[in-house]
């Protein structure tokens, strides 16, 4: 017997199935990550053609039959249209979405993560903010809220105070004092501003977490740390990071 549910969620991935259909990955408030087929989503004038789009936040009617979820109806709440007009914002948003996808589990609610992601997608196109810093902030905060928070207050190896020239190491799991830094080849030197920025990202209320700027040096250092720290969890290459590399390098 088919099972139907109503849920609210964000499309974080889409892939073609044949000539007319799409397979969507939806992060649902109450159901976690769901893969669902949108029949006719590539067909001009199809029932779901205008709703089954990457980054669309919708109310969905889903039906499960024979082990597969099908999208029966979708009503758009937010389309994040600005992302389609800015290739850099789109690239950073794609990294955020792929990170959210790998951090969620089917059947487990992800309301807090979804709220964090939606705020980030709104901020990533803000001209007064850095899209790069917004994406890095999301990744670090999302990892922390998934139980993967780096140690930032003292040396993760020996427990000593960090001194004036600490480093960050994804392999070690956080900050290192100058002496322990020598033992980790992935260590990234951080200045006081960089450590302050990282502590800010990990500690402030989610409503204000994106509302700051940082120097290019701090942004790059935290980006390098975030990508390595995330890779330790994911243990595979991420398509969105390849997109970013091709765009910037």
C-alpha atoms as a PDB file:
ATOM      1  CA  UNK A   1       0.000   0.000   0.000  1.00  0.00           C
ATOM      2  CA  UNK A   2       1.308   3.450  -0.906  1.00  0.00           C
ATOM      3  CA  UNK A   3       2.120   5.831   1.955  1.00  0.00           C
ATOM      4  CA  UNK A   4       1.668   9.589   1.512  1.00  0.00           C
ATOM      5  CA  UNK A   5       3.190  12.328   3.653  1.00  0.00           C
ATOM      6  CA  UNK A   6       3.273  16.119   3.694  1.00  0.00           C
ATOM      7  CA  UNK A   7       6.622  17.669   4.534  1.00  0.00           C
ATOM      8  CA  UNK A   8       8.628  20.838   4.070  1.00  0.00           C
ATOM      9  CA  UNK A   9      12.120  20.714   2.662  1.00  0.00           C
ATOM     10  CA  UNK A  10      14.943  22.102   0.544  1.00  0.00           C
ATOM     11  CA  UNK A  11      16.194  20.477  -2.650  1.00  0.00           C
ATOM     12  CA  UNK A  12      19.974  20.099  -2.250  1.00  0.00           C
ATOM     13  CA  UNK A  13      20.715  17.856  -5.221  1.00  0.00           C
ATOM     14  CA  UNK A  14      19.154  16.984  -8.555  1.00  0.00           C
ATOM     15  CA  UNK A  15      20.040  14.445 -11.219  1.00  0.00           C
ATOM     16  CA  UNK A  16      18.443  13.512 -14.515  1.00  0.00           C
ATOM     17  CA  UNK A  17      16.626  10.187 -14.867  1.00  0.00           C
ATOM     18  CA  UNK A  18      16.004   9.382 -18.496  1.00  0.00           C
ATOM     19  CA  UNK A  19      14.774  12.215 -20.681  1.00  0.00           C
ATOM     20  CA  UNK A  20      11.921  13.596 -18.593  1.00  0.00           C
ATOM     21  CA  UNK A  21      12.399  12.747 -14.896  1.00  0.00           C
ATOM     22  CA  UNK A  22      14.636  13.897 -12.055  1.00  0.00           C
ATOM     23  CA  UNK A  23      15.912  12.279  -8.896  1.00  0.00           C
ATOM     24  CA  UNK A  24      15.933  14.850  -6.099  1.00  0.00           C
ATOM     25  CA  UNK A  25      17.632  14.861  -2.720  1.00  0.00           C
ATOM     26  CA  UNK A  26      15.442  16.809  -0.301  1.00  0.00           C
ATOM     27  CA  UNK A  27      16.363  17.847   3.241  1.00  0.00           C
ATOM     28  CA  UNK A  28      13.076  17.657   5.093  1.00  0.00           C
ATOM     29  CA  UNK A  29      12.339  19.349   8.404  1.00  0.00           C
ATOM     30  CA  UNK A  30      10.934  16.200  10.013  1.00  0.00           C
ATOM     31  CA  UNK A  31      12.199  13.376   7.782  1.00  0.00           C
ATOM     32  CA  UNK A  32      15.868  14.203   7.272  1.00  0.00           C
ATOM     33  CA  UNK A  33      17.362  13.395   3.884  1.00  0.00           C
ATOM     34  CA  UNK A  34      14.988  11.856   1.348  1.00  0.00           C
ATOM     35  CA  UNK A  35      15.649  10.795  -2.243  1.00  0.00           C
ATOM     36  CA  UNK A  36      12.555  11.213  -4.375  1.00  0.00           C
ATOM     37  CA  UNK A  37      11.683  10.910  -8.049  1.00  0.00           C
ATOM     38  CA  UNK A  38       9.954  13.835  -9.744  1.00  0.00           C
ATOM     39  CA  UNK A  39       8.210  12.398 -12.790  1.00  0.00           C
ATOM     40  CA  UNK A  40       8.131  14.679 -15.808  1.00  0.00           C
ATOM     41  CA  UNK A  41      10.241  17.373 -14.114  1.00  0.00           C
ATOM     42  CA  UNK A  42      12.281  17.871 -17.319  1.00  0.00           C
ATOM     43  CA  UNK A  43       9.237  17.854 -19.578  1.00  0.00           C
ATOM     44  CA  UNK A  44       8.279  21.347 -20.838  1.00  0.00           C
ATOM     45  CA  UNK A  45       5.033  22.289 -19.150  1.00  0.00           C
ATOM     46  CA  UNK A  46       5.223  19.290 -16.827  1.00  0.00           C
ATOM     47  CA  UNK A  47       3.397  19.420 -13.495  1.00  0.00           C
ATOM     48  CA  UNK A  48       6.658  19.608 -11.522  1.00  0.00           C
ATOM     49  CA  UNK A  49       8.877  21.325 -14.077  1.00  0.00           C
ATOM     50  CA  UNK A  50       8.912  24.687 -12.275  1.00  0.00           C
ATOM     51  CA  UNK A  51       9.171  23.310  -8.714  1.00  0.00           C
ATOM     52  CA  UNK A  52      11.718  20.480  -8.947  1.00  0.00           C
ATOM     53  CA  UNK A  53      14.764  22.762  -9.012  1.00  0.00           C
ATOM     54  CA  UNK A  54      17.994  22.893  -7.024  1.00  0.00           C
ATOM     55  CA  UNK A  55      17.772  25.154  -3.923  1.00  0.00           C
ATOM     56  CA  UNK A  56      13.977  25.379  -4.069  1.00  0.00           C
ATOM     57  CA  UNK A  57      12.373  25.335  -0.619  1.00  0.00           C
ATOM     58  CA  UNK A  58       8.909  23.819  -0.875  1.00  0.00           C
ATOM     59  CA  UNK A  59       5.972  22.176   0.790  1.00  0.00           C
ATOM     60  CA  UNK A  60       5.901  18.670  -0.658  1.00  0.00           C
ATOM     61  CA  UNK A  61       3.400  15.881  -0.988  1.00  0.00           C
ATOM     62  CA  UNK A  62       5.427  12.679  -1.228  1.00  0.00           C
ATOM     63  CA  UNK A  63       4.216   9.152  -1.825  1.00  0.00           C
ATOM     64  CA  UNK A  64       6.182   6.004  -1.083  1.00  0.00           C
ATOM     65  CA  UNK A  65       5.469   2.886  -3.085  1.00  0.00           C
ATOM     66  CA  UNK A  66       7.592  -0.227  -3.544  1.00  0.00           C
ATOM     67  CA  UNK A  67      10.458   1.379  -1.622  1.00  0.00           C
ATOM     68  CA  UNK A  68      10.627   4.589  -3.688  1.00  0.00           C
ATOM     69  CA  UNK A  69       9.523   8.110  -2.815  1.00  0.00           C
ATOM     70  CA  UNK A  70       7.710  10.022  -5.539  1.00  0.00           C
ATOM     71  CA  UNK A  71       6.993  13.750  -5.578  1.00  0.00           C
ATOM     72  CA  UNK A  72       3.271  14.170  -6.182  1.00  0.00           C
ATOM     73  CA  UNK A  73       2.910  17.886  -5.426  1.00  0.00           C
ATOM     74  CA  UNK A  74       5.208  20.789  -4.547  1.00  0.00           C
ATOM     75  CA  UNK A  75       4.418  24.372  -3.554  1.00  0.00           C
ATOM     76  CA  UNK A  76       7.319  26.849  -3.652  1.00  0.00           C
ATOM     77  CA  UNK A  77       8.123  28.820  -0.494  1.00  0.00           C
ATOM     78  CA  UNK A  78      11.508  30.239  -1.557  1.00  0.00           C
ATOM     79  CA  UNK A  79      13.433  29.783  -4.819  1.00  0.00           C
ATOM     80  CA  UNK A  80      16.721  31.577  -3.944  1.00  0.00           C
ATOM     81  CA  UNK A  81      16.618  33.025  -7.422  1.00  0.00           C
ATOM     82  CA  UNK A  82      19.636  35.265  -6.742  1.00  0.00           C
ATOM     83  CA  UNK A  83      21.925  32.245  -6.757  1.00  0.00           C
ATOM     84  CA  UNK A  84      21.219  31.720 -10.454  1.00  0.00           C
ATOM     85  CA  UNK A  85      22.485  35.201 -11.291  1.00  0.00           C
ATOM     86  CA  UNK A  86      25.843  34.921  -9.493  1.00  0.00           C
ATOM     87  CA  UNK A  87      28.194  32.059 -10.421  1.00  0.00           C
ATOM     88  CA  UNK A  88      30.418  32.592  -7.373  1.00  0.00           C
ATOM     89  CA  UNK A  89      27.494  32.588  -4.957  1.00  0.00           C
ATOM     90  CA  UNK A  90      26.161  29.474  -6.717  1.00  0.00           C
ATOM     91  CA  UNK A  91      29.510  27.712  -6.281  1.00  0.00           C
ATOM     92  CA  UNK A  92      29.694  28.462  -2.553  1.00  0.00           C
ATOM     93  CA  UNK A  93      26.020  27.585  -2.068  1.00  0.00           C
ATOM     94  CA  UNK A  94      26.643  24.230  -3.771  1.00  0.00           C
ATOM     95  CA  UNK A  95      29.362  23.425  -1.227  1.00  0.00           C
ATOM     96  CA  UNK A  96      26.988  24.311   1.600  1.00  0.00           C
ATOM     97  CA  UNK A  97      24.237  22.128   0.142  1.00  0.00           C
ATOM     98  CA  UNK A  98      26.510  19.132  -0.438  1.00  0.00           C
ATOM     99  CA  UNK A  99      27.855  19.444   3.105  1.00  0.00           C
ATOM    100  CA  UNK A 100      24.321  19.458   4.488  1.00  0.00           C
ATOM    101  CA  UNK A 101      23.502  16.410   2.387  1.00  0.00           C
ATOM    102  CA  UNK A 102      26.367  14.331   3.787  1.00  0.00           C
ATOM    103  CA  UNK A 103      25.658  15.412   7.377  1.00  0.00           C
ATOM    104  CA  UNK A 104      22.018  14.321   7.367  1.00  0.00           C
ATOM    105  CA  UNK A 105      20.477  10.882   7.705  1.00  0.00           C
ATOM    106  CA  UNK A 106      17.258   9.565   6.220  1.00  0.00           C
ATOM    107  CA  UNK A 107      14.498   9.434   8.820  1.00  0.00           C
ATOM    108  CA  UNK A 108      16.193  11.742  11.355  1.00  0.00           C
ATOM    109  CA  UNK A 109      14.835  15.290  11.640  1.00  0.00           C
ATOM    110  CA  UNK A 110      17.259  18.043  10.659  1.00  0.00           C
ATOM    111  CA  UNK A 111      15.313  21.206  11.462  1.00  0.00           C
ATOM    112  CA  UNK A 112      18.234  23.086  13.044  1.00  0.00           C
ATOM    113  CA  UNK A 113      20.625  22.253  10.214  1.00  0.00           C
ATOM    114  CA  UNK A 114      18.011  23.164   7.635  1.00  0.00           C
ATOM    115  CA  UNK A 115      17.412  26.548   9.288  1.00  0.00           C
ATOM    116  CA  UNK A 116      21.162  27.185   9.364  1.00  0.00           C
ATOM    117  CA  UNK A 117      21.443  26.307   5.674  1.00  0.00           C
ATOM    118  CA  UNK A 118      18.475  28.445   4.616  1.00  0.00           C
ATOM    119  CA  UNK A 119      19.904  31.460   6.487  1.00  0.00           C
ATOM    120  CA  UNK A 120      23.234  30.828   4.787  1.00  0.00           C
ATOM    121  CA  UNK A 121      21.672  30.654   1.320  1.00  0.00           C
ATOM    122  CA  UNK A 122      20.025  34.016   1.969  1.00  0.00           C
ATOM    123  CA  UNK A 123      23.299  35.558   3.154  1.00  0.00           C
ATOM    124  CA  UNK A 124      25.565  34.148   0.438  1.00  0.00           C
ATOM    125  CA  UNK A 125      24.237  36.653  -2.099  1.00  0.00           C
ATOM    126  CA  UNK A 126      24.434  39.661   0.242  1.00  0.00           C
ATOM    127  CA  UNK A 127      26.827  42.160  -1.419  1.00  0.00           C
ATOM    128  CA  UNK A 128      28.187  43.488   1.889  1.00  0.00           C
ATOM    129  CA  UNK A 129      29.228  40.010   3.013  1.00  0.00           C
ATOM    130  CA  UNK A 130      31.735  37.510   1.631  1.00  0.00           C
ATOM    131  CA  UNK A 131      30.138  34.476  -0.033  1.00  0.00           C
ATOM    132  CA  UNK A 132      33.278  32.504   0.815  1.00  0.00           C
ATOM    133  CA  UNK A 133      33.099  33.416   4.499  1.00  0.00           C
ATOM    134  CA  UNK A 134      29.388  32.613   4.612  1.00  0.00           C
ATOM    135  CA  UNK A 135      30.015  29.140   3.184  1.00  0.00           C
ATOM    136  CA  UNK A 136      32.971  28.471   5.499  1.00  0.00           C
ATOM    137  CA  UNK A 137      30.859  29.587   8.447  1.00  0.00           C
ATOM    138  CA  UNK A 138      28.070  27.203   7.495  1.00  0.00           C
ATOM    139  CA  UNK A 139      30.415  24.232   7.082  1.00  0.00           C
ATOM    140  CA  UNK A 140      32.205  24.773  10.400  1.00  0.00           C
ATOM    141  CA  UNK A 141      29.007  25.436  12.326  1.00  0.00           C
ATOM    142  CA  UNK A 142      27.183  22.505  10.711  1.00  0.00           C
ATOM    143  CA  UNK A 143      30.029  20.145  11.615  1.00  0.00           C
ATOM    144  CA  UNK A 144      30.043  21.440  15.180  1.00  0.00           C
ATOM    145  CA  UNK A 145      26.295  20.960  15.565  1.00  0.00           C
ATOM    146  CA  UNK A 146      26.746  17.427  14.230  1.00  0.00           C
ATOM    147  CA  UNK A 147      29.128  16.652  17.110  1.00  0.00           C
ATOM    148  CA  UNK A 148      32.311  17.501  15.193  1.00  0.00           C
ATOM    149  CA  UNK A 149      33.476  20.685  16.902  1.00  0.00           C
ATOM    150  CA  UNK A 150      37.220  21.430  16.857  1.00  0.00           C
ATOM    151  CA  UNK A 151      39.034  22.306  20.073  1.00  0.00           C
ATOM    152  CA  UNK A 152      39.763  26.036  19.965  1.00  0.00           C
ATOM    153  CA  UNK A 153      40.513  27.104  23.546  1.00  0.00           C
ATOM    154  CA  UNK A 154      43.716  25.174  24.265  1.00  0.00           C
ATOM    155  CA  UNK A 155      46.069  22.750  22.563  1.00  0.00           C
ATOM    156  CA  UNK A 156      44.123  19.674  21.514  1.00  0.00           C
ATOM    157  CA  UNK A 157      47.239  17.523  21.965  1.00  0.00           C
ATOM    158  CA  UNK A 158      48.854  18.569  25.234  1.00  0.00           C
ATOM    159  CA  UNK A 159      46.251  20.841  26.818  1.00  0.00           C
ATOM    160  CA  UNK A 160      48.639  23.788  27.072  1.00  0.00           C
ATOM    161  CA  UNK A 161      47.603  27.378  26.355  1.00  0.00           C
ATOM    162  CA  UNK A 162      47.858  28.279  22.686  1.00  0.00           C
ATOM    163  CA  UNK A 163      50.237  31.213  23.002  1.00  0.00           C
ATOM    164  CA  UNK A 164      50.455  33.972  20.417  1.00  0.00           C
ATOM    165  CA  UNK A 165      51.171  31.760  17.383  1.00  0.00           C
ATOM    166  CA  UNK A 166      48.723  28.834  17.415  1.00  0.00           C
ATOM    167  CA  UNK A 167      47.897  26.589  14.484  1.00  0.00           C
ATOM    168  CA  UNK A 168      44.877  24.620  13.349  1.00  0.00           C
ATOM    169  CA  UNK A 169      45.121  20.995  12.294  1.00  0.00           C
ATOM    170  CA  UNK A 170      42.278  18.912  10.902  1.00  0.00           C
ATOM    171  CA  UNK A 171      44.248  15.749  11.621  1.00  0.00           C
ATOM    172  CA  UNK A 172      44.662  16.732  15.270  1.00  0.00           C
ATOM    173  CA  UNK A 173      41.095  17.975  15.615  1.00  0.00           C
ATOM    174  CA  UNK A 174      41.641  21.622  16.428  1.00  0.00           C
ATOM    175  CA  UNK A 175      44.126  24.145  17.728  1.00  0.00           C
ATOM    176  CA  UNK A 176      47.766  23.375  18.486  1.00  0.00           C
ATOM    177  CA  UNK A 177      50.393  25.147  20.561  1.00  0.00           C
ATOM    178  CA  UNK A 178      53.672  26.065  18.807  1.00  0.00           C
ATOM    179  CA  UNK A 179      55.428  22.957  20.122  1.00  0.00           C
ATOM    180  CA  UNK A 180      52.752  20.457  19.031  1.00  0.00           C
ATOM    181  CA  UNK A 181      52.393  22.197  15.667  1.00  0.00           C
ATOM    182  CA  UNK A 182      55.689  20.613  14.613  1.00  0.00           C
ATOM    183  CA  UNK A 183      54.109  17.152  14.719  1.00  0.00           C
ATOM    184  CA  UNK A 184      51.346  17.774  12.163  1.00  0.00           C
ATOM    185  CA  UNK A 185      52.063  18.360   8.492  1.00  0.00           C
ATOM    186  CA  UNK A 186      48.601  19.811   7.836  1.00  0.00           C
ATOM    187  CA  UNK A 187      48.901  22.572  10.447  1.00  0.00           C
ATOM    188  CA  UNK A 188      47.791  26.055   9.381  1.00  0.00           C
ATOM    189  CA  UNK A 189      49.228  29.082  11.184  1.00  0.00           C
ATOM    190  CA  UNK A 190      46.533  31.334  12.651  1.00  0.00           C
ATOM    191  CA  UNK A 191      46.724  34.862  13.943  1.00  0.00           C
ATOM    192  CA  UNK A 192      44.692  36.210  16.860  1.00  0.00           C
ATOM    193  CA  UNK A 193      42.001  37.499  14.508  1.00  0.00           C
ATOM    194  CA  UNK A 194      41.614  34.092  12.904  1.00  0.00           C
ATOM    195  CA  UNK A 195      41.165  32.317  16.228  1.00  0.00           C
ATOM    196  CA  UNK A 196      38.692  34.976  17.361  1.00  0.00           C
ATOM    197  CA  UNK A 197      36.721  34.489  14.140  1.00  0.00           C
ATOM    198  CA  UNK A 198      36.616  30.711  14.580  1.00  0.00           C
ATOM    199  CA  UNK A 199      35.424  31.017  18.182  1.00  0.00           C
ATOM    200  CA  UNK A 200      32.763  33.463  17.016  1.00  0.00           C
ATOM    201  CA  UNK A 201      31.502  31.012  14.387  1.00  0.00           C
ATOM    202  CA  UNK A 202      31.243  28.207  16.930  1.00  0.00           C
ATOM    203  CA  UNK A 203      29.654  30.135  19.797  1.00  0.00           C
ATOM    204  CA  UNK A 204      27.259  32.879  18.698  1.00  0.00           C
ATOM    205  CA  UNK A 205      23.485  32.304  18.297  1.00  0.00           C
ATOM    206  CA  UNK A 206      22.573  30.862  14.880  1.00  0.00           C
ATOM    207  CA  UNK A 207      20.481  33.939  14.073  1.00  0.00           C
ATOM    208  CA  UNK A 208      23.605  36.137  13.961  1.00  0.00           C
ATOM    209  CA  UNK A 209      26.314  33.665  12.980  1.00  0.00           C
ATOM    210  CA  UNK A 210      26.738  34.969   9.413  1.00  0.00           C
ATOM    211  CA  UNK A 211      26.707  38.695  10.163  1.00  0.00           C
ATOM    212  CA  UNK A 212      30.408  39.534  10.127  1.00  0.00           C
ATOM    213  CA  UNK A 213      33.340  40.011   7.787  1.00  0.00           C
ATOM    214  CA  UNK A 214      36.956  38.831   7.916  1.00  0.00           C
ATOM    215  CA  UNK A 215      40.166  39.563   6.077  1.00  0.00           C
ATOM    216  CA  UNK A 216      41.102  37.580   2.976  1.00  0.00           C
ATOM    217  CA  UNK A 217      43.917  35.935   4.939  1.00  0.00           C
ATOM    218  CA  UNK A 218      41.546  34.725   7.663  1.00  0.00           C
ATOM    219  CA  UNK A 219      38.976  33.569   5.123  1.00  0.00           C
ATOM    220  CA  UNK A 220      41.531  31.489   3.246  1.00  0.00           C
ATOM    221  CA  UNK A 221      43.023  29.961   6.403  1.00  0.00           C
ATOM    222  CA  UNK A 222      39.594  28.942   7.710  1.00  0.00           C
ATOM    223  CA  UNK A 223      38.577  27.655   4.272  1.00  0.00           C
ATOM    224  CA  UNK A 224      41.628  25.385   4.170  1.00  0.00           C
ATOM    225  CA  UNK A 225      40.921  24.125   7.684  1.00  0.00           C
ATOM    226  CA  UNK A 226      37.204  23.624   6.998  1.00  0.00           C
ATOM    227  CA  UNK A 227      37.794  21.603   3.808  1.00  0.00           C
ATOM    228  CA  UNK A 228      40.323  19.339   5.539  1.00  0.00           C
ATOM    229  CA  UNK A 229      38.217  18.936   8.688  1.00  0.00           C
ATOM    230  CA  UNK A 230      35.157  18.075   6.582  1.00  0.00           C
ATOM    231  CA  UNK A 231      37.155  15.604   4.469  1.00  0.00           C
ATOM    232  CA  UNK A 232      38.132  13.724   7.630  1.00  0.00           C
ATOM    233  CA  UNK A 233      34.417  13.055   8.140  1.00  0.00           C
ATOM    234  CA  UNK A 234      33.316  12.551   4.520  1.00  0.00           C
ATOM    235  CA  UNK A 235      36.382  10.582   3.373  1.00  0.00           C
ATOM    236  CA  UNK A 236      35.674  11.255  -0.305  1.00  0.00           C
ATOM    237  CA  UNK A 237      36.050  14.008  -2.877  1.00  0.00           C
ATOM    238  CA  UNK A 238      33.153  16.449  -3.075  1.00  0.00           C
ATOM    239  CA  UNK A 239      31.881  17.587  -6.466  1.00  0.00           C
ATOM    240  CA  UNK A 240      31.161  21.081  -5.141  1.00  0.00           C
ATOM    241  CA  UNK A 241      34.801  21.572  -4.130  1.00  0.00           C
ATOM    242  CA  UNK A 242      35.907  20.581  -7.623  1.00  0.00           C
ATOM    243  CA  UNK A 243      33.501  23.221  -8.948  1.00  0.00           C
ATOM    244  CA  UNK A 244      35.126  25.809  -6.664  1.00  0.00           C
ATOM    245  CA  UNK A 245      38.640  24.783  -7.684  1.00  0.00           C
ATOM    246  CA  UNK A 246      37.759  25.083 -11.370  1.00  0.00           C
ATOM    247  CA  UNK A 247      36.190  28.480 -10.761  1.00  0.00           C
ATOM    248  CA  UNK A 248      39.024  30.028  -8.742  1.00  0.00           C
ATOM    249  CA  UNK A 249      42.132  28.112  -9.731  1.00  0.00           C
END
